[in-house]
Amino acid sequence: MITIDFAKRQGMTLTDFLYSSIKTQILDGLLKENEKLPSKRTLALHLGVSVITVQNAYSQLIDEGFIFSVEKKGFFVSDIADRLKNGRALHKTGARPAKPKPDNFFADFTSNAAVPGKFPFTLWSRTMRQILASENERLLKRTDVFGTIELRRAICRHLKEFRNMNIDESQVIIGAGTESLYSMLVLFLGRDKIFAVENPGYHKAAEIFRLNGTKCVPVKIDSSGIIVDDLQKAGASVVHVSPSHHFPTGIIMNFKRRTELLQWASLEESRYIIEDDYDSEFRFTGRPLPTLQSIDQNDRVIYINTFSKTLSPSFRISYMVLPPKLVQQFAGKLGFYSCQVSSFEQFTLAKFIEDGSYEKHINRMKNYYRSLRNNLITALENSELAKICSIHEENSGLHFLLSLKSGFDAHKIQQKWKDLSINIQLLSDYYEPPEEAGAQGESFVVNYSGINRGRVSEIVQRMSSAIQAEKM
């Protein structure tokens, strides 16, 4: 049983002292990895404090990654203790840790992994049980290529409230991830079309277009978005863009460039824009920007979004919104397909959206990521890195750029960080070919969505130590 002497708390609140004491016991090895902790009620009775005090302390420890919870089983110690102690030893001795195994980094700024403990398991499981009780017969029936009407209606209402998009449920198509939707669009629009992608940009989209037999060309972007004159010269009929928050630069396409892009699409009947709105839910200042789809007057924009960012990358439900004039054509050409997402998941997600649980979850995650981003940026700005780096495009989405000043070898620093178990990619990695990056190759893409908030200080210390070594 955990024993704590509250007489030593010296003005700290009960919650803060309890949190700090358990954290110290974990770091000192008194509480071992995967060791089960007392229940909230048991520990409260043992220590003579309220259950709320224990609950708040446990919640903070979970948020910082020191412990984790398993539904109906309890609370357990994470493996973070050894990693943090190794990191501290690094700075005391100057020694390098063993080279990390793939996918086992102390901080991985390339990962889209979900934050442990943030998925609303309790709400989701309750919704699943409600669906099993009320929709048991329909769960066994085939769903056509468009998906269940319930989920499509829920998406329409969500887009109206959140993105001010006025669409009909008949325009919505459910897919098992954006990859499946990209492949479906190639089949629908035709392999004879030339597809264009932003350069730098999201490589997976280009790879999928090419694997499906199309010619795919990279088109440069500038500070306003994709360069429409270059798009015209490329001879493309279809272009994939992320105007609300470009990946990886973070650029937001301005209104003038959006108008130019829509004008380009309207000049020929075969031209279409695929608008990828992948992380629009996470804009931290001001209202979400209007979508291209919402200002399109000529039925040229195919809107795509996913639930992977807001729920989990393993949650393979995405959707696209077709222009009204393409709905019947799509049904005629690909209507024989079945929807790739199970009816059970669709019914569950539809109810999750309709009863307000999804909106509440987004708000919680937005607050969490805002706090995480602020902590990370503050730590960077107060470190040695601030002398040689600058931060760009940090007010929207779940990544920003960390740009090196001249005189430093970005590739060498990238490798030093990797040796310290910090995985991060250069902006040049997203150019095609990489040589096109030029000076911008000295920027790092900081995707912070999967890092542990409790490790921020240690992460920045490790990054700073590599810079210090490089300066010497």
Protein backbone atom coordinates (compact mmCIF):
# COMPACT_ATOMS: atom_id res chain seq x y z
CA MET A 1 0.00 0.00 0.00
CA ILE A 2 1.24 3.52 -0.82
CA THR A 3 2.19 5.46 2.33
CA ILE A 4 2.50 9.26 2.26
CA ASP A 5 3.25 11.71 5.07
CA PHE A 6 1.05 14.72 4.37
CA ALA A 7 2.74 16.61 7.24
CA LYS A 8 5.57 17.32 4.81
CA ARG A 9 3.47 18.97 2.14
CA GLN A 10 4.56 22.52 3.16
CA GLY A 11 1.66 24.50 1.73
CA MET A 12 1.01 22.24 -1.28
CA THR A 13 -2.57 21.14 -1.86
CA LEU A 14 -3.42 17.56 -0.92
CA THR A 15 -3.87 16.69 -4.58
CA ASP A 16 -0.54 18.20 -5.68
CA PHE A 17 1.37 16.57 -2.82
CA LEU A 18 -0.22 13.17 -3.49
CA TYR A 19 0.54 13.47 -7.20
CA SER A 20 4.15 14.55 -6.52
CA SER A 21 4.72 11.79 -3.97
CA ILE A 22 3.46 8.99 -6.22
CA LYS A 23 5.49 10.39 -9.14
CA THR A 24 8.63 10.39 -6.98
CA GLN A 25 8.02 6.81 -5.88
CA ILE A 26 7.69 5.77 -9.52
CA LEU A 27 10.89 7.59 -10.53
CA ASP A 28 12.78 6.13 -7.56
CA GLY A 29 11.71 2.62 -8.52
CA LEU A 30 9.63 2.03 -5.39
CA LEU A 31 6.62 1.51 -7.64
CA LYS A 32 7.54 -0.83 -10.47
CA GLU A 33 6.48 -0.97 -14.11
CA ASN A 34 2.99 -2.53 -14.53
CA GLU A 35 2.50 -2.64 -10.74
CA LYS A 36 -1.16 -2.27 -9.85
CA LEU A 37 -2.04 0.76 -7.75
CA PRO A 38 -4.77 0.86 -5.09
CA SER A 39 -8.23 1.84 -6.25
CA LYS A 40 -9.24 5.47 -5.69
CA ARG A 41 -11.57 4.55 -2.83
CA THR A 42 -9.07 2.18 -1.17
CA LEU A 43 -6.23 4.71 -1.30
CA ALA A 44 -8.50 7.51 -0.07
CA LEU A 45 -9.53 5.46 2.96
CA HIS A 46 -5.92 4.46 3.67
CA LEU A 47 -4.59 8.03 3.51
CA GLY A 48 -7.60 9.71 5.10
CA VAL A 49 -8.33 11.99 2.13
CA SER A 50 -11.30 12.33 -0.20
CA VAL A 51 -11.82 10.15 -3.25
CA ILE A 52 -11.80 13.35 -5.34
CA THR A 53 -8.27 14.12 -4.12
CA VAL A 54 -7.04 10.69 -5.26
CA GLN A 55 -8.99 10.92 -8.50
CA ASN A 56 -7.44 14.28 -9.40
CA ALA A 57 -3.93 13.05 -8.54
CA TYR A 58 -4.40 9.89 -10.62
CA SER A 59 -5.78 11.94 -13.53
CA GLN A 60 -2.70 14.17 -13.55
CA LEU A 61 -0.40 11.13 -13.44
CA ILE A 62 -2.32 9.59 -16.34
CA ASP A 63 -2.09 12.81 -18.37
CA GLU A 64 1.66 12.90 -17.84
CA GLY A 65 2.09 9.22 -18.67
CA PHE A 66 3.30 7.97 -15.28
CA ILE A 67 0.35 5.63 -14.84
CA PHE A 68 -2.38 4.22 -17.05
CA SER A 69 -5.85 2.81 -16.45
CA VAL A 70 -7.49 -0.36 -17.74
CA GLU A 71 -11.28 -0.39 -17.65
CA LYS A 72 -12.67 -2.64 -14.89
CA LYS A 73 -9.12 -3.64 -13.86
CA GLY A 74 -7.65 -0.55 -12.25
CA PHE A 75 -4.58 1.69 -12.39
CA PHE A 76 -1.05 0.57 -13.26
CA VAL A 77 2.45 2.07 -13.36
CA SER A 78 3.75 2.96 -16.83
CA ASP A 79 7.26 2.22 -18.08
CA ILE A 80 8.10 5.93 -18.23
CA ALA A 81 10.23 5.82 -15.07
CA ASP A 82 13.21 4.00 -16.60
CA ARG A 83 13.14 6.17 -19.68
CA LEU A 84 13.16 9.40 -17.67
CA LYS A 85 15.97 8.17 -15.44
CA ASN A 86 18.03 7.19 -18.50
CA GLY A 87 17.48 10.65 -19.91
CA ARG A 88 18.65 12.31 -16.67
CA ALA A 89 21.71 10.10 -16.57
CA LEU A 90 22.49 11.18 -20.11
CA HIS A 91 22.79 14.82 -19.11
CA LYS A 92 24.89 14.01 -16.04
CA THR A 93 27.39 11.77 -17.83
CA GLY A 94 27.23 12.98 -21.42
CA ALA A 95 26.90 9.36 -22.55
CA ARG A 96 24.64 8.37 -25.40
CA PRO A 97 21.83 5.90 -24.79
CA ALA A 98 21.60 2.76 -26.85
CA LYS A 99 20.28 3.34 -30.35
CA PRO A 100 16.48 3.10 -30.10
CA LYS A 101 14.55 0.35 -31.76
CA PRO A 102 12.10 1.38 -34.50
CA ASP A 103 8.80 2.70 -33.13
CA ASN A 104 10.23 2.82 -29.61
CA PHE A 105 11.34 6.45 -29.37
CA PHE A 106 11.19 8.56 -26.23
CA ALA A 107 9.49 11.17 -28.44
CA ASP A 108 8.28 10.50 -31.97
CA PHE A 109 7.37 13.70 -33.82
CA THR A 110 6.48 11.71 -36.95
CA SER A 111 3.74 9.64 -35.32
CA ASN A 112 -0.01 10.17 -35.50
CA ALA A 113 -0.56 7.87 -32.53
CA ALA A 114 -3.49 8.60 -30.27
CA VAL A 115 -2.83 9.99 -26.80
CA PRO A 116 -3.05 7.15 -24.25
CA GLY A 117 -6.04 7.50 -21.99
CA LYS A 118 -7.80 10.12 -24.13
CA PHE A 119 -10.11 7.89 -26.14
CA PRO A 120 -13.62 8.01 -24.60
CA PHE A 121 -13.83 4.27 -23.99
CA THR A 122 -16.64 4.49 -21.45
CA LEU A 123 -18.91 6.60 -23.67
CA TRP A 124 -18.05 4.56 -26.75
CA SER A 125 -18.76 1.20 -25.10
CA ARG A 126 -22.05 2.53 -23.72
CA THR A 127 -23.07 3.66 -27.21
CA MET A 128 -22.10 0.26 -28.64
CA ARG A 129 -24.34 -1.48 -26.13
CA GLN A 130 -27.23 0.81 -27.04
CA ILE A 131 -26.77 -0.01 -30.73
CA LEU A 132 -26.63 -3.74 -30.05
CA ALA A 133 -29.89 -3.46 -28.14
CA SER A 134 -31.76 -1.35 -30.72
CA GLU A 135 -30.28 -2.14 -34.15
CA ASN A 136 -29.52 -5.85 -33.86
CA GLU A 137 -31.39 -6.86 -37.05
CA ARG A 138 -29.99 -4.10 -39.26
CA LEU A 139 -26.45 -4.92 -38.16
CA LEU A 140 -26.63 -8.09 -40.25
CA LYS A 141 -27.69 -6.40 -43.48
CA ARG A 142 -25.43 -5.31 -46.33
CA THR A 143 -24.70 -1.59 -46.62
CA ASP A 144 -24.37 -0.04 -50.06
CA VAL A 145 -21.31 1.93 -51.19
CA PHE A 146 -22.62 5.21 -49.73
CA GLY A 147 -22.85 3.87 -46.14
CA THR A 148 -25.67 3.97 -43.60
CA ILE A 149 -28.15 6.82 -43.89
CA GLU A 150 -27.85 7.45 -40.12
CA LEU A 151 -24.13 8.20 -40.26
CA ARG A 152 -24.45 10.30 -43.42
CA ARG A 153 -27.18 12.40 -41.79
CA ALA A 154 -25.09 12.84 -38.65
CA ILE A 155 -22.11 13.97 -40.75
CA CYS A 156 -24.28 16.48 -42.61
CA ARG A 157 -25.44 18.03 -39.35
CA HIS A 158 -21.91 18.07 -37.98
CA LEU A 159 -20.54 19.80 -41.09
CA LYS A 160 -23.36 22.35 -41.00
CA GLU A 161 -22.67 23.26 -37.38
CA PHE A 162 -18.90 23.11 -37.49
CA ARG A 163 -17.94 24.05 -41.09
CA ASN A 164 -21.08 25.88 -42.26
CA MET A 165 -21.46 23.43 -45.14
CA ASN A 166 -24.94 22.94 -46.56
CA ILE A 167 -24.96 19.45 -48.01
CA ASP A 168 -27.44 16.66 -48.53
CA GLU A 169 -26.97 13.17 -47.12
CA SER A 170 -27.05 11.79 -50.68
CA GLN A 171 -23.68 13.50 -51.35
CA VAL A 172 -21.85 11.71 -48.51
CA ILE A 173 -19.87 8.49 -49.03
CA ILE A 174 -18.36 6.56 -46.11
CA GLY A 175 -14.95 4.92 -46.54
CA ALA A 176 -12.49 2.85 -44.53
CA GLY A 177 -9.87 5.58 -44.27
CA THR A 178 -8.91 8.28 -46.75
CA GLU A 179 -6.72 5.80 -48.64
CA SER A 180 -9.76 3.84 -49.74
CA LEU A 181 -11.53 7.04 -50.80
CA TYR A 182 -8.53 8.15 -52.90
CA SER A 183 -8.52 4.78 -54.67
CA MET A 184 -12.25 5.01 -55.23
CA LEU A 185 -11.88 8.48 -56.75
CA VAL A 186 -9.29 7.24 -59.23
CA LEU A 187 -11.70 4.51 -60.34
CA PHE A 188 -14.52 7.03 -60.60
CA LEU A 189 -12.73 9.96 -62.27
CA GLY A 190 -10.58 7.74 -64.49
CA ARG A 191 -6.98 6.56 -64.68
CA ASP A 192 -6.47 8.61 -67.83
CA LYS A 193 -6.60 11.82 -65.78
CA ILE A 194 -3.44 13.57 -64.58
CA PHE A 195 -3.59 14.04 -60.80
CA ALA A 196 -1.63 16.85 -59.14
CA VAL A 197 -0.44 17.10 -55.54
CA GLU A 198 1.15 19.90 -53.54
CA ASN A 199 4.96 20.01 -53.35
CA PRO A 200 5.91 19.67 -50.54
CA GLY A 201 2.91 17.65 -49.50
CA TYR A 202 1.27 14.50 -48.24
CA HIS A 203 3.23 11.71 -49.92
CA LYS A 204 0.68 9.00 -49.24
CA ALA A 205 -1.91 10.64 -51.50
CA ALA A 206 0.56 10.75 -54.41
CA GLU A 207 1.59 7.14 -53.82
CA ILE A 208 -2.01 5.94 -53.84
CA PHE A 209 -2.82 7.85 -57.03
CA ARG A 210 0.20 6.31 -58.75
CA LEU A 211 -0.45 2.78 -57.45
CA ASN A 212 -3.93 3.04 -58.96
CA GLY A 213 -2.43 3.66 -62.39
CA THR A 214 -2.61 7.45 -62.81
CA LYS A 215 0.06 9.94 -63.72
CA CYS A 216 0.65 12.08 -60.63
CA VAL A 217 2.65 15.32 -60.78
CA PRO A 218 3.98 17.49 -57.92
CA VAL A 219 3.15 21.22 -58.13
CA LYS A 220 5.00 23.83 -56.08
CA ILE A 221 3.39 25.91 -53.37
CA ASP A 222 4.26 29.38 -52.11
CA SER A 223 3.20 31.31 -49.01
CA SER A 224 -0.39 31.52 -50.34
CA GLY A 225 -0.84 27.87 -51.33
CA ILE A 226 -0.52 25.88 -54.54
CA ILE A 227 0.72 27.94 -57.51
CA VAL A 228 -2.15 27.87 -59.98
CA ASP A 229 -0.02 28.89 -62.99
CA ASP A 230 2.21 25.85 -62.38
CA LEU A 231 -0.89 23.69 -61.98
CA GLN A 232 -2.10 24.89 -65.37
CA LYS A 233 1.28 24.10 -66.96
CA ALA A 234 1.27 20.60 -65.46
CA GLY A 235 -1.79 19.69 -67.55
CA ALA A 236 -3.60 18.20 -64.54
CA SER A 237 -7.34 17.57 -64.40
CA VAL A 238 -7.54 16.71 -60.69
CA VAL A 239 -5.65 18.35 -57.83
CA HIS A 240 -5.35 17.30 -54.19
CA VAL A 241 -4.97 20.23 -51.74
CA SER A 242 -5.25 20.93 -48.00
CA PRO A 243 -6.19 24.63 -48.00
CA SER A 244 -7.24 25.01 -44.34
CA HIS A 245 -3.92 23.77 -42.97
CA HIS A 246 -1.32 22.55 -45.41
CA PHE A 247 0.79 19.58 -44.50
CA PRO A 248 3.66 19.87 -43.76
CA THR A 249 4.25 23.66 -43.97
CA GLY A 250 1.15 24.74 -42.04
CA ILE A 251 0.30 27.33 -44.71
CA ILE A 252 -3.33 28.46 -44.90
CA MET A 253 -4.46 29.17 -48.47
CA ASN A 254 -5.62 32.78 -48.71
CA PHE A 255 -8.92 33.81 -50.28
CA LYS A 256 -7.35 35.13 -53.48
CA ARG A 257 -5.57 31.83 -54.16
CA ARG A 258 -8.73 29.88 -53.35
CA THR A 259 -10.63 31.96 -55.90
CA GLU A 260 -7.89 31.35 -58.50
CA LEU A 261 -7.98 27.61 -57.84
CA LEU A 262 -11.77 27.46 -58.18
CA GLN A 263 -11.50 29.49 -61.39
CA TRP A 264 -8.94 27.00 -62.75
CA ALA A 265 -11.31 24.11 -62.01
CA SER A 266 -14.25 25.83 -63.72
CA LEU A 267 -12.43 26.26 -67.05
CA GLU A 268 -12.80 22.62 -68.13
CA GLU A 269 -15.58 20.14 -67.47
CA SER A 270 -13.18 17.36 -66.42
CA ARG A 271 -11.40 19.35 -63.70
CA TYR A 272 -11.94 18.67 -60.00
CA ILE A 273 -10.40 19.69 -56.69
CA ILE A 274 -10.00 17.15 -53.88
CA GLU A 275 -10.13 19.19 -50.66
CA ASP A 276 -8.49 17.36 -47.76
CA ASP A 277 -9.72 18.96 -44.51
CA TYR A 278 -7.82 16.47 -42.35
CA ASP A 279 -7.34 18.41 -39.06
CA SER A 280 -9.68 21.40 -39.30
CA GLU A 281 -11.14 20.59 -35.86
CA PHE A 282 -7.89 21.70 -34.23
CA ARG A 283 -7.67 25.40 -34.99
CA PHE A 284 -6.59 27.24 -31.84
CA THR A 285 -7.21 30.88 -32.76
CA GLY A 286 -10.34 32.30 -34.39
CA ARG A 287 -13.11 30.46 -36.17
CA PRO A 288 -12.47 27.61 -38.62
CA LEU A 289 -11.86 28.98 -42.12
CA PRO A 290 -14.53 28.38 -44.80
CA THR A 291 -13.98 25.28 -46.89
CA LEU A 292 -13.45 25.40 -50.65
CA GLN A 293 -16.56 23.26 -50.92
CA SER A 294 -18.69 25.89 -49.19
CA ILE A 295 -17.68 28.67 -51.62
CA ASP A 296 -17.67 26.51 -54.77
CA GLN A 297 -20.35 27.69 -57.21
CA ASN A 298 -19.59 25.22 -60.02
CA ASP A 299 -19.69 21.76 -58.38
CA ARG A 300 -15.93 21.26 -58.71
CA VAL A 301 -14.87 20.41 -55.14
CA ILE A 302 -14.81 16.91 -53.66
CA TYR A 303 -14.46 17.31 -49.89
CA ILE A 304 -12.68 14.65 -47.80
CA ASN A 305 -12.30 14.33 -44.04
CA THR A 306 -11.57 11.63 -41.49
CA PHE A 307 -12.31 10.69 -37.89
CA SER A 308 -8.74 9.39 -37.46
CA LYS A 309 -7.41 12.69 -36.10
CA THR A 310 -10.21 13.31 -33.61
CA LEU A 311 -10.74 9.74 -32.38
CA SER A 312 -7.75 7.54 -33.24
CA PRO A 313 -5.56 6.63 -36.27
CA SER A 314 -6.79 3.05 -35.87
CA PHE A 315 -10.36 4.30 -36.24
CA ARG A 316 -10.75 3.66 -39.96
CA ILE A 317 -13.79 5.77 -40.83
CA SER A 318 -13.51 8.63 -43.32
CA TYR A 319 -15.96 10.28 -45.66
CA MET A 320 -16.17 12.37 -48.79
CA VAL A 321 -18.76 14.82 -50.04
CA LEU A 322 -19.42 14.76 -53.77
CA PRO A 323 -20.72 17.73 -55.78
CA PRO A 324 -24.47 17.16 -56.39
CA LYS A 325 -24.00 16.64 -60.13
CA LEU A 326 -21.64 13.67 -59.51
CA VAL A 327 -23.87 11.69 -57.15
CA GLN A 328 -25.85 9.80 -59.78
CA GLN A 329 -22.76 9.24 -61.91
CA PHE A 330 -20.95 7.77 -58.91
CA ALA A 331 -23.88 5.49 -58.07
CA GLY A 332 -24.06 4.33 -61.67
CA LYS A 333 -20.36 3.55 -61.92
CA LEU A 334 -19.47 2.23 -58.45
CA GLY A 335 -22.87 1.47 -56.94
CA PHE A 336 -22.20 -2.27 -57.01
CA TYR A 337 -19.59 -1.85 -54.26
CA SER A 338 -20.46 -2.47 -50.61
CA CYS A 339 -19.38 -0.02 -47.96
CA GLN A 340 -16.06 -1.12 -46.44
CA VAL A 341 -16.97 0.01 -42.92
CA SER A 342 -19.05 -2.31 -40.76
CA SER A 343 -22.64 -1.28 -40.08
CA PHE A 344 -22.04 -1.68 -36.35
CA GLU A 345 -19.29 0.96 -36.35
CA GLN A 346 -21.35 3.28 -38.52
CA PHE A 347 -24.45 3.09 -36.31
CA THR A 348 -22.31 3.59 -33.21
CA LEU A 349 -20.51 6.64 -34.62
CA ALA A 350 -23.78 8.13 -35.86
CA LYS A 351 -25.30 7.93 -32.37
CA PHE A 352 -22.05 9.19 -30.83
CA ILE A 353 -22.32 12.30 -33.01
CA GLU A 354 -26.07 12.77 -32.59
CA ASP A 355 -26.12 12.66 -28.78
CA GLY A 356 -23.38 15.32 -28.54
CA SER A 357 -20.62 12.99 -27.30
CA TYR A 358 -18.45 13.61 -30.35
CA GLU A 359 -18.56 17.40 -29.97
CA LYS A 360 -17.69 17.13 -26.28
CA HIS A 361 -14.80 14.82 -27.13
CA ILE A 362 -13.46 17.25 -29.76
CA ASN A 363 -13.60 20.10 -27.25
CA ARG A 364 -11.71 18.05 -24.66
CA MET A 365 -9.06 17.05 -27.20
CA LYS A 366 -8.76 20.61 -28.47
CA ASN A 367 -8.11 21.85 -24.93
CA TYR A 368 -5.62 19.04 -24.35
CA TYR A 369 -3.69 19.70 -27.57
CA ARG A 370 -3.73 23.46 -26.97
CA SER A 371 -2.15 22.88 -23.56
CA LEU A 372 0.35 20.39 -24.98
CA ARG A 373 1.31 22.75 -27.80
CA ASN A 374 1.69 25.69 -25.42
CA ASN A 375 3.85 23.65 -23.02
CA LEU A 376 6.07 22.46 -25.85
CA ILE A 377 6.47 25.88 -27.46
CA THR A 378 7.17 27.53 -24.09
CA ALA A 379 9.80 24.89 -23.28
CA LEU A 380 11.44 25.40 -26.69
CA GLU A 381 11.40 29.19 -26.34
CA ASN A 382 13.03 28.97 -22.89
CA SER A 383 15.75 26.55 -24.00
CA GLU A 384 19.07 26.87 -25.80
CA LEU A 385 17.20 25.98 -28.99
CA ALA A 386 15.64 29.44 -29.03
CA LYS A 387 19.02 30.94 -29.93
CA ILE A 388 19.26 29.03 -33.19
CA CYS A 389 15.65 28.08 -34.06
CA SER A 390 12.36 29.81 -34.82
CA ILE A 391 8.80 28.44 -34.71
CA HIS A 392 6.34 28.88 -37.58
CA GLU A 393 2.64 28.13 -38.23
CA GLU A 394 1.73 27.02 -34.72
CA ASN A 395 -1.86 28.30 -34.44
CA SER A 396 -3.65 25.55 -36.32
CA GLY A 397 -3.50 21.79 -36.57
CA LEU A 398 -1.28 19.37 -34.68
CA HIS A 399 2.11 20.25 -36.08
CA PHE A 400 4.37 23.26 -36.59
CA LEU A 401 7.78 23.98 -38.13
CA LEU A 402 11.01 24.41 -36.20
CA SER A 403 13.44 26.27 -38.47
CA LEU A 404 17.20 26.29 -37.98
CA LYS A 405 19.25 29.41 -38.52
CA SER A 406 22.15 29.23 -40.97
CA GLY A 407 25.40 27.55 -40.03
CA PHE A 408 23.97 24.27 -38.76
CA ASP A 409 23.77 20.94 -40.57
CA ALA A 410 20.12 19.89 -40.22
CA HIS A 411 20.76 16.29 -41.26
CA LYS A 412 23.51 15.94 -38.65
CA ILE A 413 21.27 17.38 -35.93
CA GLN A 414 18.40 15.13 -37.04
CA GLN A 415 20.67 12.10 -36.56
CA LYS A 416 21.90 13.35 -33.17
CA TRP A 417 18.30 13.70 -32.02
CA LYS A 418 17.55 10.21 -33.27
CA ASP A 419 20.50 8.89 -31.26
CA LEU A 420 18.88 10.53 -28.23
CA SER A 421 15.59 8.74 -29.03
CA ILE A 422 13.93 11.81 -30.59
CA ASN A 423 12.46 11.02 -34.00
CA ILE A 424 11.69 13.99 -36.26
CA GLN A 425 11.55 14.63 -40.00
CA LEU A 426 12.94 17.47 -42.09
CA LEU A 427 10.68 19.54 -44.29
CA SER A 428 12.86 18.47 -47.21
CA ASP A 429 11.64 14.89 -46.68
CA TYR A 430 8.25 16.01 -48.02
CA TYR A 431 9.52 17.54 -51.26
CA GLU A 432 9.56 15.69 -54.57
CA PRO A 433 12.44 15.47 -55.30
CA PRO A 434 14.01 16.42 -51.92
CA GLU A 435 16.46 18.75 -53.68
CA GLU A 436 13.53 21.08 -54.43
CA ALA A 437 13.46 22.06 -50.76
CA GLY A 438 16.43 24.43 -50.96
CA ALA A 439 16.90 26.45 -47.77
CA GLN A 440 13.57 25.24 -46.39
CA GLY A 441 15.20 21.88 -45.84
CA GLU A 442 16.61 23.39 -42.65
CA SER A 443 13.16 23.21 -41.03
CA PHE A 444 11.90 20.32 -38.92
CA VAL A 445 8.26 19.19 -38.95
CA VAL A 446 7.12 18.93 -35.32
CA ASN A 447 4.03 16.70 -35.20
CA TYR A 448 3.32 16.73 -31.48
CA SER A 449 0.01 14.84 -31.45
CA GLY A 450 1.49 11.59 -30.14
CA ILE A 451 4.03 12.81 -27.61
CA ASN A 452 3.57 12.50 -23.86
CA ARG A 453 2.88 15.80 -22.09
CA GLY A 454 4.80 14.65 -19.03
CA ARG A 455 7.94 14.26 -21.13
CA VAL A 456 8.02 17.74 -22.68
CA SER A 457 10.74 19.10 -20.41
CA GLU A 458 12.94 16.04 -20.90
CA ILE A 459 12.37 16.05 -24.67
CA VAL A 460 13.51 19.65 -24.99
CA GLN A 461 16.51 19.00 -22.72
CA ARG A 462 17.63 16.17 -24.98
CA MET A 463 17.15 18.26 -28.11
CA SER A 464 19.11 21.13 -26.53
CA SER A 465 21.97 18.86 -25.50
CA ALA A 466 22.46 17.79 -29.12
CA ILE A 467 22.60 21.41 -30.25
CA GLN A 468 25.13 22.24 -27.55
CA ALA A 469 27.32 19.34 -28.67
CA GLU A 470 27.04 20.53 -32.28
CA LYS A 471 28.11 24.08 -31.33
CA MET A 472 31.19 22.70 -29.59
